[in-house]
Amino acid sequence: FTFEQDLKNENIYLELEKIYEEATCESYLQIETYGKKIFAEETLDKMKELGFAPFLEEIMTEEKGLLFRVMIGPMQSISDTNNARETLIRADFLPLLRTRCVKT
């Protein structure tokens, strides 16, 4: 599979509309991921100081073992997401947008 060549030739087809029609989706912002819980907890405190309601998500990976993601959400609207991103960027964070969809 040659992604770059297929993309160039426009041979990549994604049925996203169908996926979104059959699913309920929520958006979250991932603030940071840490290998040690103590560092994640420090970031949780910083998020609370900024007025967010953060939570930790524990992820098990083969490469790095247990990781701790600092997350906020679900976001209520695109406007809320953009405002939160701006606040976080001003506070020297680079949040990632994560969307979770559950098939209904």
Protein backbone atom coordinates (compact mmCIF):
# COMPACT_ATOMS: atom_id res chain seq x y z
CA PHE A 1 0.00 0.00 0.00
CA THR A 2 1.59 3.23 -1.08
CA PHE A 3 -0.32 5.91 0.77
CA GLU A 4 1.45 8.90 -0.75
CA GLN A 5 1.00 7.66 -4.31
CA ASP A 6 -2.63 6.65 -3.75
CA LEU A 7 -3.36 9.98 -2.09
CA LYS A 8 -1.75 11.78 -5.01
CA ASN A 9 -3.92 9.75 -7.38
CA GLU A 10 -6.98 10.40 -5.19
CA ASN A 11 -7.59 6.71 -4.59
CA ILE A 12 -8.22 7.02 -0.86
CA TYR A 13 -11.89 6.77 0.06
CA LEU A 14 -13.12 7.30 3.59
CA GLU A 15 -16.72 6.80 4.54
CA LEU A 16 -16.63 9.28 7.39
CA GLU A 17 -20.10 10.64 6.77
CA LYS A 18 -21.58 7.20 7.31
CA ILE A 19 -19.49 6.67 10.44
CA TYR A 20 -20.65 9.98 11.92
CA GLU A 21 -24.28 9.31 10.98
CA GLU A 22 -24.21 6.01 12.87
CA ALA A 23 -22.26 7.23 15.88
CA THR A 24 -22.34 9.64 18.78
CA CYS A 25 -19.10 11.61 18.93
CA GLU A 26 -17.49 13.72 21.66
CA SER A 27 -14.42 15.94 21.46
CA TYR A 28 -11.72 16.16 24.12
CA LEU A 29 -8.44 18.01 24.43
CA GLN A 30 -5.39 15.99 25.39
CA ILE A 31 -3.08 18.32 27.30
CA GLU A 32 -0.06 16.08 27.81
CA THR A 33 0.99 12.46 28.32
CA TYR A 34 3.38 11.36 31.06
CA GLY A 35 5.11 8.17 32.09
CA LYS A 36 4.87 9.07 35.79
CA LYS A 37 1.61 9.80 37.53
CA ILE A 38 3.14 12.49 39.77
CA PHE A 39 3.91 14.68 36.72
CA ALA A 40 0.41 14.16 35.35
CA GLU A 41 -1.04 15.20 38.71
CA GLU A 42 1.02 18.42 38.62
CA THR A 43 -0.49 19.23 35.22
CA LEU A 44 -3.95 18.38 36.58
CA ASP A 45 -3.43 21.05 39.23
CA LYS A 46 -2.32 23.59 36.59
CA MET A 47 -5.45 22.83 34.54
CA LYS A 48 -7.64 23.41 37.60
CA GLU A 49 -5.89 26.77 38.17
CA LEU A 50 -6.80 27.69 34.58
CA GLY A 51 -10.45 26.91 35.30
CA PHE A 52 -10.74 23.52 33.61
CA ALA A 53 -12.11 20.24 34.98
CA PRO A 54 -9.33 17.85 33.91
CA PHE A 55 -9.14 14.10 34.33
CA LEU A 56 -6.49 11.40 33.94
CA GLU A 57 -6.76 8.66 31.38
CA GLU A 58 -4.48 5.66 31.89
CA ILE A 59 -3.20 4.02 28.70
CA MET A 60 -1.19 0.78 28.51
CA THR A 61 1.27 0.64 25.63
CA GLU A 62 3.64 -2.10 24.52
CA GLU A 63 6.54 0.31 24.03
CA LYS A 64 6.38 2.50 27.13
CA GLY A 65 4.09 0.64 29.53
CA LEU A 66 1.54 2.61 31.54
CA LEU A 67 1.06 6.23 30.46
CA PHE A 68 -1.07 8.98 31.98
CA ARG A 69 -2.92 11.38 29.70
CA VAL A 70 -4.19 14.66 31.09
CA MET A 71 -7.50 15.38 29.35
CA ILE A 72 -10.32 17.92 29.43
CA GLY A 73 -13.79 17.49 27.97
CA PRO A 74 -16.06 16.50 26.52
CA MET A 75 -16.19 19.87 24.81
CA GLN A 76 -19.67 21.33 24.34
CA SER A 77 -19.05 23.14 21.05
CA ILE A 78 -16.42 24.09 18.51
CA SER A 79 -16.31 27.54 20.09
CA ASP A 80 -15.58 26.03 23.54
CA THR A 81 -12.88 23.87 22.00
CA ASN A 82 -11.21 26.83 20.29
CA ASN A 83 -11.39 28.99 23.42
CA ALA A 84 -9.88 26.21 25.53
CA ARG A 85 -7.10 25.64 22.99
CA GLU A 86 -6.23 29.35 22.99
CA THR A 87 -6.09 29.44 26.78
CA LEU A 88 -3.88 26.35 26.87
CA ILE A 89 -1.54 27.61 24.17
CA ARG A 90 -1.11 30.90 26.07
CA ALA A 91 -0.18 28.78 29.11
CA ASP A 92 2.56 27.02 27.04
CA PHE A 93 0.68 23.79 26.32
CA LEU A 94 0.10 22.23 22.89
CA PRO A 95 -3.21 20.37 23.24
CA LEU A 96 -4.32 17.70 20.80
CA LEU A 97 -7.93 17.33 19.74
CA ARG A 98 -9.26 13.81 20.27
CA THR A 99 -12.66 12.69 19.06
CA ARG A 100 -14.31 9.58 20.42
CA CYS A 101 -17.23 8.06 18.61
CA VAL A 102 -19.52 5.32 19.86
CA LYS A 103 -21.67 3.50 17.37
CA THR A 104 -25.35 4.00 18.17
